[in-house]
Amino acid sequence: MWTLQCGKPSKQCLLEEIIINFNKAVDISNTHVLTLVPELFHLEGYNIQLIPPHEGGRNVVYTCEQEGRESLILRVSFLPDRKREDYIAELEYVRYLFEHGARVSDVVSSKKGHVRRDHL
């Protein structure tokens, strides 16, 4: 059963809220994050482009490409429903998979050795 909020089914309101949050996250990422990321993560000279979101997407995701260099993915999480420990566990798991031969992208550390940044 769907409840009504703001005159629409609650699922529709939730999707609209996520879209609004996504659009704000993209604006913030484009304005602030992308100006700092190249220096922090050895991405000077990379072409960084937004990947269009999919329905229900939880992250702002960019491709980072430079001819002759490995292509990378930059993910910006913006929903407040996970703790710092959740992100660290996810990164450790992905790195573990990579180091043990799974076909996943490796986690890229910053110049200071960090695998994630809380705030830029």
PDB file of N, CA and C in Angstrom:
ATOM      1  N   MET A   1       0.843  -1.174   0.000  1.00  0.00           N
ATOM      2  CA  MET A   1       0.000   0.000   0.000  1.00  0.00           C
ATOM      3  C   MET A   1       0.890   1.239   0.000  1.00  0.00           C
ATOM      4  N   TRP A   2       0.534   2.198  -0.835  1.00  0.00           N
ATOM      5  CA  TRP A   2       1.277   3.455  -0.906  1.00  0.00           C
ATOM      6  C   TRP A   2       0.543   4.529  -0.137  1.00  0.00           C
ATOM      7  N   THR A   3       1.275   5.312   0.603  1.00  0.00           N
ATOM      8  CA  THR A   3       0.663   6.444   1.279  1.00  0.00           C
ATOM      9  C   THR A   3       0.897   7.691   0.439  1.00  0.00           C
ATOM     10  N   LEU A   4       0.085   8.678   0.638  1.00  0.00           N
ATOM     11  CA  LEU A   4       0.236   9.920  -0.113  1.00  0.00           C
ATOM     12  C   LEU A   4       0.961  10.959   0.723  1.00  0.00           C
ATOM     13  N   GLN A   5       1.919  11.579   0.115  1.00  0.00           N
ATOM     14  CA  GLN A   5       2.629  12.710   0.704  1.00  0.00           C
ATOM     15  C   GLN A   5       2.785  13.721  -0.413  1.00  0.00           C
ATOM     16  N   CYS A   6       2.599  14.943  -0.112  1.00  0.00           N
ATOM     17  CA  CYS A   6       2.677  16.039  -1.100  1.00  0.00           C
ATOM     18  C   CYS A   6       1.859  15.726  -2.350  1.00  0.00           C
ATOM     19  N   GLY A   7       0.736  15.017  -2.170  1.00  0.00           N
ATOM     20  CA  GLY A   7      -0.181  14.768  -3.267  1.00  0.00           C
ATOM     21  C   GLY A   7       0.226  13.659  -4.218  1.00  0.00           C
ATOM     22  N   LYS A   8       1.303  12.937  -3.941  1.00  0.00           N
ATOM     23  CA  LYS A   8       1.776  11.879  -4.835  1.00  0.00           C
ATOM     24  C   LYS A   8       2.045  10.629  -4.013  1.00  0.00           C
ATOM     25  N   PRO A   9       2.086   9.471  -4.659  1.00  0.00           N
ATOM     26  CA  PRO A   9       2.466   8.263  -3.917  1.00  0.00           C
ATOM     27  C   PRO A   9       3.840   8.453  -3.274  1.00  0.00           C
ATOM     28  N   SER A  10       4.041   7.860  -2.092  1.00  0.00           N
ATOM     29  CA  SER A  10       5.277   8.088  -1.338  1.00  0.00           C
ATOM     30  C   SER A  10       6.515   7.680  -2.123  1.00  0.00           C
ATOM     31  N   LYS A  11       6.424   6.628  -2.949  1.00  0.00           N
ATOM     32  CA  LYS A  11       7.589   6.226  -3.753  1.00  0.00           C
ATOM     33  C   LYS A  11       7.985   7.353  -4.695  1.00  0.00           C
ATOM     34  N   GLN A  12       7.031   8.007  -5.305  1.00  0.00           N
ATOM     35  CA  GLN A  12       7.317   9.112  -6.215  1.00  0.00           C
ATOM     36  C   GLN A  12       7.953  10.275  -5.462  1.00  0.00           C
ATOM     37  N   CYS A  13       7.450  10.590  -4.276  1.00  0.00           N
ATOM     38  CA  CYS A  13       8.044  11.666  -3.471  1.00  0.00           C
ATOM     39  C   CYS A  13       9.481  11.326  -3.108  1.00  0.00           C
ATOM     40  N   LEU A  14       9.739  10.070  -2.745  1.00  0.00           N
ATOM     41  CA  LEU A  14      11.090   9.651  -2.399  1.00  0.00           C
ATOM     42  C   LEU A  14      12.007   9.789  -3.602  1.00  0.00           C
ATOM     43  N   LEU A  15      11.539   9.367  -4.782  1.00  0.00           N
ATOM     44  CA  LEU A  15      12.356   9.504  -5.985  1.00  0.00           C
ATOM     45  C   LEU A  15      12.646  10.964  -6.288  1.00  0.00           C
ATOM     46  N   GLU A  16      11.659  11.836  -6.116  1.00  0.00           N
ATOM     47  CA  GLU A  16      11.880  13.255  -6.353  1.00  0.00           C
ATOM     48  C   GLU A  16      12.884  13.810  -5.354  1.00  0.00           C
ATOM     49  N   GLU A  17      12.823  13.386  -4.088  1.00  0.00           N
ATOM     50  CA  GLU A  17      13.766  13.847  -3.078  1.00  0.00           C
ATOM     51  C   GLU A  17      15.181  13.405  -3.424  1.00  0.00           C
ATOM     52  N   ILE A  18      15.339  12.159  -3.864  1.00  0.00           N
ATOM     53  CA  ILE A  18      16.662  11.660  -4.252  1.00  0.00           C
ATOM     54  C   ILE A  18      17.182  12.428  -5.447  1.00  0.00           C
ATOM     55  N   ILE A  19      16.322  12.709  -6.431  1.00  0.00           N
ATOM     56  CA  ILE A  19      16.751  13.460  -7.606  1.00  0.00           C
ATOM     57  C   ILE A  19      17.203  14.856  -7.204  1.00  0.00           C
ATOM     58  N   ILE A  20      16.447  15.511  -6.334  1.00  0.00           N
ATOM     59  CA  ILE A  20      16.839  16.838  -5.868  1.00  0.00           C
ATOM     60  C   ILE A  20      18.180  16.748  -5.157  1.00  0.00           C
ATOM     61  N   ASN A  21      18.341  15.773  -4.278  1.00  0.00           N
ATOM     62  CA  ASN A  21      19.608  15.610  -3.587  1.00  0.00           C
ATOM     63  C   ASN A  21      20.728  15.284  -4.562  1.00  0.00           C
ATOM     64  N   PHE A  22      20.446  14.457  -5.566  1.00  0.00           N
ATOM     65  CA  PHE A  22      21.453  14.119  -6.560  1.00  0.00           C
ATOM     66  C   PHE A  22      21.892  15.367  -7.308  1.00  0.00           C
ATOM     67  N   ASN A  23      20.936  16.168  -7.754  1.00  0.00           N
ATOM     68  CA  ASN A  23      21.279  17.376  -8.494  1.00  0.00           C
ATOM     69  C   ASN A  23      22.107  18.335  -7.646  1.00  0.00           C
ATOM     70  N   LYS A  24      21.762  18.473  -6.384  1.00  0.00           N
ATOM     71  CA  LYS A  24      22.555  19.318  -5.489  1.00  0.00           C
ATOM     72  C   LYS A  24      23.952  18.730  -5.313  1.00  0.00           C
ATOM     73  N   ALA A  25      24.036  17.410  -5.178  1.00  0.00           N
ATOM     74  CA  ALA A  25      25.337  16.750  -5.013  1.00  0.00           C
ATOM     75  C   ALA A  25      26.199  16.955  -6.253  1.00  0.00           C
ATOM     76  N   VAL A  26      25.609  16.885  -7.431  1.00  0.00           N
ATOM     77  CA  VAL A  26      26.358  17.121  -8.670  1.00  0.00           C
ATOM     78  C   VAL A  26      26.879  18.555  -8.701  1.00  0.00           C
ATOM     79  N   ASP A  27      26.019  19.514  -8.359  1.00  0.00           N
ATOM     80  CA  ASP A  27      26.451  20.918  -8.342  1.00  0.00           C
ATOM     81  C   ASP A  27      27.622  21.129  -7.389  1.00  0.00           C
ATOM     82  N   ILE A  28      27.515  20.571  -6.184  1.00  0.00           N
ATOM     83  CA  ILE A  28      28.592  20.710  -5.200  1.00  0.00           C
ATOM     84  C   ILE A  28      29.856  20.011  -5.694  1.00  0.00           C
ATOM     85  N   SER A  29      29.693  18.820  -6.242  1.00  0.00           N
ATOM     86  CA  SER A  29      30.847  18.075  -6.752  1.00  0.00           C
ATOM     87  C   SER A  29      31.535  18.843  -7.873  1.00  0.00           C
ATOM     88  N   ASN A  30      30.742  19.328  -8.822  1.00  0.00           N
ATOM     89  CA  ASN A  30      31.329  20.062  -9.941  1.00  0.00           C
ATOM     90  C   ASN A  30      32.017  21.345  -9.498  1.00  0.00           C
ATOM     91  N   THR A  31      31.449  22.018  -8.522  1.00  0.00           N
ATOM     92  CA  THR A  31      31.988  23.296  -8.074  1.00  0.00           C
ATOM     93  C   THR A  31      33.171  23.147  -7.136  1.00  0.00           C
ATOM     94  N   HIS A  32      33.110  22.196  -6.221  1.00  0.00           N
ATOM     95  CA  HIS A  32      34.126  22.111  -5.172  1.00  0.00           C
ATOM     96  C   HIS A  32      35.015  20.874  -5.263  1.00  0.00           C
ATOM     97  N   VAL A  33      34.402  19.715  -5.403  1.00  0.00           N
ATOM     98  CA  VAL A  33      35.163  18.462  -5.355  1.00  0.00           C
ATOM     99  C   VAL A  33      36.108  18.353  -6.546  1.00  0.00           C
ATOM    100  N   LEU A  34      35.597  18.612  -7.743  1.00  0.00           N
ATOM    101  CA  LEU A  34      36.416  18.413  -8.941  1.00  0.00           C
ATOM    102  C   LEU A  34      37.588  19.388  -9.030  1.00  0.00           C
ATOM    103  N   THR A  35      37.527  20.479  -8.305  1.00  0.00           N
ATOM    104  CA  THR A  35      38.668  21.398  -8.310  1.00  0.00           C
ATOM    105  C   THR A  35      39.809  20.873  -7.447  1.00  0.00           C
ATOM    106  N   LEU A  36      39.511  20.017  -6.471  1.00  0.00           N
ATOM    107  CA  LEU A  36      40.526  19.504  -5.552  1.00  0.00           C
ATOM    108  C   LEU A  36      40.997  18.087  -5.878  1.00  0.00           C
ATOM    109  N   VAL A  37      40.135  17.286  -6.471  1.00  0.00           N
ATOM    110  CA  VAL A  37      40.429  15.870  -6.703  1.00  0.00           C
ATOM    111  C   VAL A  37      41.689  15.641  -7.544  1.00  0.00           C
ATOM    112  N   PRO A  38      41.901  16.366  -8.645  1.00  0.00           N
ATOM    113  CA  PRO A  38      43.107  16.081  -9.435  1.00  0.00           C
ATOM    114  C   PRO A  38      44.397  16.158  -8.611  1.00  0.00           C
ATOM    115  N   GLU A  39      44.516  17.152  -7.776  1.00  0.00           N
ATOM    116  CA  GLU A  39      45.716  17.297  -6.945  1.00  0.00           C
ATOM    117  C   GLU A  39      45.776  16.232  -5.857  1.00  0.00           C
ATOM    118  N   LEU A  40      44.647  15.918  -5.250  1.00  0.00           N
ATOM    119  CA  LEU A  40      44.634  14.965  -4.143  1.00  0.00           C
ATOM    120  C   LEU A  40      44.890  13.527  -4.582  1.00  0.00           C
ATOM    121  N   PHE A  41      44.443  13.151  -5.786  1.00  0.00           N
ATOM    122  CA  PHE A  41      44.487  11.753  -6.216  1.00  0.00           C
ATOM    123  C   PHE A  41      45.322  11.518  -7.479  1.00  0.00           C
ATOM    124  N   HIS A  42      46.305  12.336  -7.745  1.00  0.00           N
ATOM    125  CA  HIS A  42      47.187  12.148  -8.907  1.00  0.00           C
ATOM    126  C   HIS A  42      46.403  12.148 -10.221  1.00  0.00           C
ATOM    127  N   LEU A  43      45.423  12.990 -10.357  1.00  0.00           N
ATOM    128  CA  LEU A  43      44.600  13.002 -11.566  1.00  0.00           C
ATOM    129  C   LEU A  43      44.823  14.245 -12.415  1.00  0.00           C
ATOM    130  N   GLU A  44      45.966  14.900 -12.247  1.00  0.00           N
ATOM    131  CA  GLU A  44      46.259  16.068 -13.063  1.00  0.00           C
ATOM    132  C   GLU A  44      46.296  15.648 -14.534  1.00  0.00           C
ATOM    133  N   GLY A  45      45.628  16.397 -15.391  1.00  0.00           N
ATOM    134  CA  GLY A  45      45.602  16.097 -16.812  1.00  0.00           C
ATOM    135  C   GLY A  45      44.535  15.108 -17.238  1.00  0.00           C
ATOM    136  N   TYR A  46      43.827  14.519 -16.291  1.00  0.00           N
ATOM    137  CA  TYR A  46      42.742  13.591 -16.632  1.00  0.00           C
ATOM    138  C   TYR A  46      41.506  14.375 -17.063  1.00  0.00           C
ATOM    139  N   ASN A  47      40.759  13.822 -18.000  1.00  0.00           N
ATOM    140  CA  ASN A  47      39.460  14.351 -18.391  1.00  0.00           C
ATOM    141  C   ASN A  47      38.431  13.695 -17.477  1.00  0.00           C
ATOM    142  N   ILE A  48      37.756  14.483 -16.663  1.00  0.00           N
ATOM    143  CA  ILE A  48      36.802  13.952 -15.684  1.00  0.00           C
ATOM    144  C   ILE A  48      35.389  14.310 -16.152  1.00  0.00           C
ATOM    145  N   GLN A  49      34.574  13.272 -16.386  1.00  0.00           N
ATOM    146  CA  GLN A  49      33.228  13.455 -16.922  1.00  0.00           C
ATOM    147  C   GLN A  49      32.202  12.733 -16.056  1.00  0.00           C
ATOM    148  N   LEU A  50      31.075  13.397 -15.830  1.00  0.00           N
ATOM    149  CA  LEU A  50      29.964  12.817 -15.077  1.00  0.00           C
ATOM    150  C   LEU A  50      29.350  11.657 -15.858  1.00  0.00           C
ATOM    151  N   ILE A  51      29.116  10.546 -15.183  1.00  0.00           N
ATOM    152  CA  ILE A  51      28.370   9.427 -15.764  1.00  0.00           C
ATOM    153  C   ILE A  51      26.899   9.664 -15.441  1.00  0.00           C
ATOM    154  N   PRO A  52      26.018   9.634 -16.435  1.00  0.00           N
ATOM    155  CA  PRO A  52      24.594   9.850 -16.155  1.00  0.00           C
ATOM    156  C   PRO A  52      24.086   8.845 -15.120  1.00  0.00           C
ATOM    157  N   PRO A  53      23.256   9.311 -14.197  1.00  0.00           N
ATOM    158  CA  PRO A  53      22.771   8.415 -13.133  1.00  0.00           C
ATOM    159  C   PRO A  53      21.731   7.434 -13.651  1.00  0.00           C
ATOM    160  N   HIS A  54      21.568   6.359 -12.915  1.00  0.00           N
ATOM    161  CA  HIS A  54      20.483   5.425 -13.187  1.00  0.00           C
ATOM    162  C   HIS A  54      19.448   5.583 -12.074  1.00  0.00           C
ATOM    163  N   GLU A  55      18.249   5.125 -12.332  1.00  0.00           N
ATOM    164  CA  GLU A  55      17.184   5.257 -11.339  1.00  0.00           C
ATOM    165  C   GLU A  55      17.590   4.558 -10.048  1.00  0.00           C
ATOM    166  N   GLY A  56      17.459   5.254  -8.953  1.00  0.00           N
ATOM    167  CA  GLY A  56      17.810   4.698  -7.657  1.00  0.00           C
ATOM    168  C   GLY A  56      19.288   4.812  -7.328  1.00  0.00           C
ATOM    169  N   GLY A  57      20.052   5.485  -8.196  1.00  0.00           N
ATOM    170  CA  GLY A  57      21.483   5.636  -7.953  1.00  0.00           C
ATOM    171  C   GLY A  57      21.761   6.353  -6.644  1.00  0.00           C
ATOM    172  N   ARG A  58      22.814   5.956  -5.962  1.00  0.00           N
ATOM    173  CA  ARG A  58      23.132   6.491  -4.642  1.00  0.00           C
ATOM    174  C   ARG A  58      24.391   7.329  -4.639  1.00  0.00           C
ATOM    175  N   ASN A  59      25.026   7.492  -5.796  1.00  0.00           N
ATOM    176  CA  ASN A  59      26.308   8.172  -5.855  1.00  0.00           C
ATOM    177  C   ASN A  59      26.383   9.068  -7.085  1.00  0.00           C
ATOM    178  N   VAL A  60      27.249  10.065  -7.005  1.00  0.00           N
ATOM    179  CA  VAL A  60      27.635  10.842  -8.171  1.00  0.00           C
ATOM    180  C   VAL A  60      28.916  10.175  -8.660  1.00  0.00           C
ATOM    181  N   VAL A  61      28.934   9.753  -9.927  1.00  0.00           N
ATOM    182  CA  VAL A  61      30.054   8.976 -10.429  1.00  0.00           C
ATOM    183  C   VAL A  61      30.626   9.657 -11.670  1.00  0.00           C
ATOM    184  N   TYR A  62      31.955   9.718 -11.712  1.00  0.00           N
ATOM    185  CA  TYR A  62      32.668  10.326 -12.823  1.00  0.00           C
ATOM    186  C   TYR A  62      33.663   9.331 -13.413  1.00  0.00           C
ATOM    187  N   THR A  63      33.880   9.410 -14.725  1.00  0.00           N
ATOM    188  CA  THR A  63      34.997   8.701 -15.344  1.00  0.00           C
ATOM    189  C   THR A  63      36.176   9.661 -15.342  1.00  0.00           C
ATOM    190  N   CYS A  64      37.357   9.113 -15.169  1.00  0.00           N
ATOM    191  CA  CYS A  64      38.593   9.893 -15.176  1.00  0.00           C
ATOM    192  C   CYS A  64      39.503   9.225 -16.200  1.00  0.00           C
ATOM    193  N   GLU A  65      39.740   9.917 -17.316  1.00  0.00           N
ATOM    194  CA  GLU A  65      40.494   9.299 -18.400  1.00  0.00           C
ATOM    195  C   GLU A  65      41.599  10.220 -18.891  1.00  0.00           C
ATOM    196  N   GLN A  66      42.706   9.593 -19.264  1.00  0.00           N
ATOM    197  CA  GLN A  66      43.820  10.298 -19.878  1.00  0.00           C
ATOM    198  C   GLN A  66      44.506   9.314 -20.817  1.00  0.00           C
ATOM    199  N   GLU A  67      44.760   9.747 -22.028  1.00  0.00           N
ATOM    200  CA  GLU A  67      45.381   8.853 -23.002  1.00  0.00           C
ATOM    201  C   GLU A  67      46.706   8.318 -22.470  1.00  0.00           C
ATOM    202  N   GLY A  68      46.875   7.007 -22.631  1.00  0.00           N
ATOM    203  CA  GLY A  68      48.099   6.368 -22.184  1.00  0.00           C
ATOM    204  C   GLY A  68      48.139   6.036 -20.707  1.00  0.00           C
ATOM    205  N   ARG A  69      47.062   6.350 -19.996  1.00  0.00           N
ATOM    206  CA  ARG A  69      46.996   6.059 -18.565  1.00  0.00           C
ATOM    207  C   ARG A  69      45.755   5.231 -18.276  1.00  0.00           C
ATOM    208  N   GLU A  70      45.777   4.580 -17.128  1.00  0.00           N
ATOM    209  CA  GLU A  70      44.647   3.756 -16.711  1.00  0.00           C
ATOM    210  C   GLU A  70      43.414   4.636 -16.460  1.00  0.00           C
ATOM    211  N   SER A  71      42.252   4.205 -16.964  1.00  0.00           N
ATOM    212  CA  SER A  71      41.000   4.913 -16.684  1.00  0.00           C
ATOM    213  C   SER A  71      40.573   4.603 -15.259  1.00  0.00           C
ATOM    214  N   LEU A  72      40.004   5.598 -14.606  1.00  0.00           N
ATOM    215  CA  LEU A  72      39.582   5.462 -13.216  1.00  0.00           C
ATOM    216  C   LEU A  72      38.152   5.922 -13.053  1.00  0.00           C
ATOM    217  N   ILE A  73      37.573   5.549 -11.918  1.00  0.00           N
ATOM    218  CA  ILE A  73      36.223   5.974 -11.558  1.00  0.00           C
ATOM    219  C   ILE A  73      36.305   6.747 -10.250  1.00  0.00           C
ATOM    220  N   LEU A  74      35.636   7.904 -10.209  1.00  0.00           N
ATOM    221  CA  LEU A  74      35.522   8.698  -8.988  1.00  0.00           C
ATOM    222  C   LEU A  74      34.075   8.613  -8.531  1.00  0.00           C
ATOM    223  N   ARG A  75      33.874   8.223  -7.284  1.00  0.00           N
ATOM    224  CA  ARG A  75      32.522   8.098  -6.735  1.00  0.00           C
ATOM    225  C   ARG A  75      32.365   9.063  -5.568  1.00  0.00           C
ATOM    226  N   VAL A  76      31.310   9.863  -5.615  1.00  0.00           N
ATOM    227  CA  VAL A  76      30.981  10.785  -4.534  1.00  0.00           C
ATOM    228  C   VAL A  76      29.664  10.321  -3.932  1.00  0.00           C
ATOM    229  N   SER A  77      29.687   9.918  -2.674  1.00  0.00           N
ATOM    230  CA  SER A  77      28.472   9.488  -1.980  1.00  0.00           C
ATOM    231  C   SER A  77      27.880  10.684  -1.259  1.00  0.00           C
ATOM    232  N   PHE A  78      26.570  10.805  -1.332  1.00  0.00           N
ATOM    233  CA  PHE A  78      25.943  11.991  -0.759  1.00  0.00           C
ATOM    234  C   PHE A  78      24.765  11.705   0.159  1.00  0.00           C
ATOM    235  N   LEU A  79      24.266  10.490   0.187  1.00  0.00           N
ATOM    236  CA  LEU A  79      23.139  10.180   1.070  1.00  0.00           C
ATOM    237  C   LEU A  79      23.662   9.919   2.485  1.00  0.00           C
ATOM    238  N   PRO A  80      22.981  10.414   3.484  1.00  0.00           N
ATOM    239  CA  PRO A  80      23.484  10.320   4.866  1.00  0.00           C
ATOM    240  C   PRO A  80      23.085   9.037   5.590  1.00  0.00           C
ATOM    241  N   ASP A  81      22.841   7.971   4.856  1.00  0.00           N
ATOM    242  CA  ASP A  81      22.315   6.756   5.485  1.00  0.00           C
ATOM    243  C   ASP A  81      23.383   5.716   5.820  1.00  0.00           C
ATOM    244  N   ARG A  82      24.644   6.045   5.626  1.00  0.00           N
ATOM    245  CA  ARG A  82      25.719   5.100   5.939  1.00  0.00           C
ATOM    246  C   ARG A  82      26.751   5.773   6.821  1.00  0.00           C
ATOM    247  N   LYS A  83      27.405   4.945   7.637  1.00  0.00           N
ATOM    248  CA  LYS A  83      28.445   5.458   8.527  1.00  0.00           C
ATOM    249  C   LYS A  83      29.803   5.359   7.855  1.00  0.00           C
ATOM    250  N   ARG A  84      30.742   6.111   8.391  1.00  0.00           N
ATOM    251  CA  ARG A  84      32.121   6.099   7.898  1.00  0.00           C
ATOM    252  C   ARG A  84      32.653   4.662   7.843  1.00  0.00           C
ATOM    253  N   GLU A  85      32.373   3.881   8.866  1.00  0.00           N
ATOM    254  CA  GLU A  85      32.841   2.499   8.933  1.00  0.00           C
ATOM    255  C   GLU A  85      32.290   1.651   7.785  1.00  0.00           C
ATOM    256  N   ASP A  86      31.068   1.950   7.354  1.00  0.00           N
ATOM    257  CA  ASP A  86      30.476   1.219   6.232  1.00  0.00           C
ATOM    258  C   ASP A  86      31.287   1.453   4.951  1.00  0.00           C
ATOM    259  N   TYR A  87      31.667   2.707   4.723  1.00  0.00           N
ATOM    260  CA  TYR A  87      32.457   3.024   3.529  1.00  0.00           C
ATOM    261  C   TYR A  87      33.838   2.397   3.608  1.00  0.00           C
ATOM    262  N   ILE A  88      34.462   2.460   4.756  1.00  0.00           N
ATOM    263  CA  ILE A  88      35.786   1.865   4.921  1.00  0.00           C
ATOM    264  C   ILE A  88      35.719   0.357   4.677  1.00  0.00           C
ATOM    265  N   ALA A  89      34.707  -0.292   5.232  1.00  0.00           N
ATOM    266  CA  ALA A  89      34.550  -1.733   5.028  1.00  0.00           C
ATOM    267  C   ALA A  89      34.365  -2.055   3.545  1.00  0.00           C
ATOM    268  N   GLU A  90      33.582  -1.267   2.853  1.00  0.00           N
ATOM    269  CA  GLU A  90      33.370  -1.487   1.425  1.00  0.00           C
ATOM    270  C   GLU A  90      34.686  -1.336   0.651  1.00  0.00           C
ATOM    271  N   LEU A  91      35.444  -0.301   0.956  1.00  0.00           N
ATOM    272  CA  LEU A  91      36.721  -0.086   0.270  1.00  0.00           C
ATOM    273  C   LEU A  91      37.708  -1.210   0.564  1.00  0.00           C
ATOM    274  N   GLU A  92      37.757  -1.648   1.812  1.00  0.00           N
ATOM    275  CA  GLU A  92      38.650  -2.755   2.171  1.00  0.00           C
ATOM    276  C   GLU A  92      38.248  -4.032   1.440  1.00  0.00           C
ATOM    277  N   TYR A  93      36.965  -4.280   1.316  1.00  0.00           N
ATOM    278  CA  TYR A  93      36.478  -5.468   0.634  1.00  0.00           C
ATOM    279  C   TYR A  93      36.832  -5.422  -0.856  1.00  0.00           C
ATOM    280  N   VAL A  94      36.621  -4.277  -1.497  1.00  0.00           N
ATOM    281  CA  VAL A  94      36.959  -4.140  -2.916  1.00  0.00           C
ATOM    282  C   VAL A  94      38.461  -4.328  -3.116  1.00  0.00           C
ATOM    283  N   ARG A  95      39.262  -3.721  -2.269  1.00  0.00           N
ATOM    284  CA  ARG A  95      40.718  -3.892  -2.378  1.00  0.00           C
ATOM    285  C   ARG A  95      41.102  -5.365  -2.184  1.00  0.00           C
ATOM    286  N   TYR A  96      40.491  -6.040  -1.224  1.00  0.00           N
ATOM    287  CA  TYR A  96      40.751  -7.464  -0.989  1.00  0.00           C
ATOM    288  C   TYR A  96      40.426  -8.271  -2.247  1.00  0.00           C
ATOM    289  N   LEU A  97      39.269  -8.010  -2.835  1.00  0.00           N
ATOM    290  CA  LEU A  97      38.883  -8.724  -4.050  1.00  0.00           C
ATOM    291  C   LEU A  97      39.905  -8.500  -5.157  1.00  0.00           C
ATOM    292  N   PHE A  98      40.322  -7.255  -5.343  1.00  0.00           N
ATOM    293  CA  PHE A  98      41.300  -6.928  -6.381  1.00  0.00           C
ATOM    294  C   PHE A  98      42.613  -7.668  -6.142  1.00  0.00           C
ATOM    295  N   GLU A  99      43.093  -7.621  -4.917  1.00  0.00           N
ATOM    296  CA  GLU A  99      44.377  -8.247  -4.583  1.00  0.00           C
ATOM    297  C   GLU A  99      44.337  -9.771  -4.702  1.00  0.00           C
ATOM    298  N   HIS A 100      43.146 -10.354  -4.685  1.00  0.00           N
ATOM    299  CA  HIS A 100      43.019 -11.803  -4.783  1.00  0.00           C
ATOM    300  C   HIS A 100      42.469 -12.254  -6.143  1.00  0.00           C
ATOM    301  N   GLY A 101      42.624 -11.402  -7.147  1.00  0.00           N
ATOM    302  CA  GLY A 101      42.351 -11.796  -8.519  1.00  0.00           C
ATOM    303  C   GLY A 101      40.963 -11.555  -9.054  1.00  0.00           C
ATOM    304  N   ALA A 102      40.079 -10.986  -8.284  1.00  0.00           N
ATOM    305  CA  ALA A 102      38.735 -10.697  -8.799  1.00  0.00           C
ATOM    306  C   ALA A 102      38.818  -9.585  -9.843  1.00  0.00           C
ATOM    307  N   ARG A 103      37.917  -9.610 -10.783  1.00  0.00           N
ATOM    308  CA  ARG A 103      37.901  -8.599 -11.845  1.00  0.00           C
ATOM    309  C   ARG A 103      37.120  -7.378 -11.376  1.00  0.00           C
ATOM    310  N   VAL A 104      37.726  -6.631 -10.459  1.00  0.00           N
ATOM    311  CA  VAL A 104      37.156  -5.388  -9.950  1.00  0.00           C
ATOM    312  C   VAL A 104      38.228  -4.318 -10.045  1.00  0.00           C
ATOM    313  N   SER A 105      37.810  -3.071 -10.074  1.00  0.00           N
ATOM    314  CA  SER A 105      38.766  -1.971 -10.074  1.00  0.00           C
ATOM    315  C   SER A 105      39.407  -1.862  -8.706  1.00  0.00           C
ATOM    316  N   ASP A 106      40.691  -1.539  -8.699  1.00  0.00           N
ATOM    317  CA  ASP A 106      41.382  -1.332  -7.435  1.00  0.00           C
ATOM    318  C   ASP A 106      40.969   0.006  -6.842  1.00  0.00           C
ATOM    319  N   VAL A 107      41.122   0.127  -5.549  1.00  0.00           N
ATOM    320  CA  VAL A 107      40.866   1.378  -4.845  1.00  0.00           C
ATOM    321  C   VAL A 107      42.114   2.244  -4.973  1.00  0.00           C
ATOM    322  N   VAL A 108      41.943   3.501  -5.331  1.00  0.00           N
ATOM    323  CA  VAL A 108      43.064   4.410  -5.517  1.00  0.00           C
ATOM    324  C   VAL A 108      43.247   5.243  -4.248  1.00  0.00           C
ATOM    325  N   SER A 109      44.454   5.243  -3.740  1.00  0.00           N
ATOM    326  CA  SER A 109      44.757   6.054  -2.560  1.00  0.00           C
ATOM    327  C   SER A 109      45.146   7.471  -2.993  1.00  0.00           C
ATOM    328  N   SER A 110      44.923   8.420  -2.111  1.00  0.00           N
ATOM    329  CA  SER A 110      45.342   9.793  -2.379  1.00  0.00           C
ATOM    330  C   SER A 110      46.856   9.890  -2.248  1.00  0.00           C
ATOM    331  N   LYS A 111      47.401  11.045  -2.555  1.00  0.00           N
ATOM    332  CA  LYS A 111      48.834  11.271  -2.416  1.00  0.00           C
ATOM    333  C   LYS A 111      49.288  11.069  -0.975  1.00  0.00           C
ATOM    334  N   LYS A 112      48.378  11.268  -0.035  1.00  0.00           N
ATOM    335  CA  LYS A 112      48.704  11.088   1.384  1.00  0.00           C
ATOM    336  C   LYS A 112      48.372   9.689   1.879  1.00  0.00           C
ATOM    337  N   GLY A 113      47.958   8.796   0.980  1.00  0.00           N
ATOM    338  CA  GLY A 113      47.685   7.418   1.354  1.00  0.00           C
ATOM    339  C   GLY A 113      46.267   7.147   1.812  1.00  0.00           C
ATOM    340  N   HIS A 114      45.381   8.123   1.717  1.00  0.00           N
ATOM    341  CA  HIS A 114      43.982   7.936   2.124  1.00  0.00           C
ATOM    342  C   HIS A 114      43.199   7.284   0.991  1.00  0.00           C
ATOM    343  N   VAL A 115      42.287   6.393   1.338  1.00  0.00           N
ATOM    344  CA  VAL A 115      41.429   5.779   0.324  1.00  0.00           C
ATOM    345  C   VAL A 115      40.076   6.457   0.245  1.00  0.00           C
ATOM    346  N   ARG A 116      39.806   7.348   1.142  1.00  0.00           N
ATOM    347  CA  ARG A 116      38.555   8.098   1.105  1.00  0.00           C
ATOM    348  C   ARG A 116      38.758   9.434   1.800  1.00  0.00           C
ATOM    349  N   ARG A 117      37.877  10.370   1.465  1.00  0.00           N
ATOM    350  CA  ARG A 117      37.903  11.675   2.108  1.00  0.00           C
ATOM    351  C   ARG A 117      36.506  11.963   2.616  1.00  0.00           C
ATOM    352  N   ASP A 118      36.405  12.382   3.886  1.00  0.00           N
ATOM    353  CA  ASP A 118      35.095  12.721   4.417  1.00  0.00           C
ATOM    354  C   ASP A 118      34.583  14.018   3.833  1.00  0.00           C
ATOM    355  N   HIS A 119      35.426  15.015   3.818  1.00  0.00           N
ATOM    356  CA  HIS A 119      35.069  16.331   3.295  1.00  0.00           C
ATOM    357  C   HIS A 119      36.309  16.886   2.613  1.00  0.00           C
ATOM    358  N   LEU A 120      36.081  17.616   1.549  1.00  0.00           N
ATOM    359  CA  LEU A 120      37.224  18.206   0.850  1.00  0.00           C
ATOM    360  C   LEU A 120      37.396  19.641   1.242  1.00  0.00           C
TER     361      LEU A 120
END
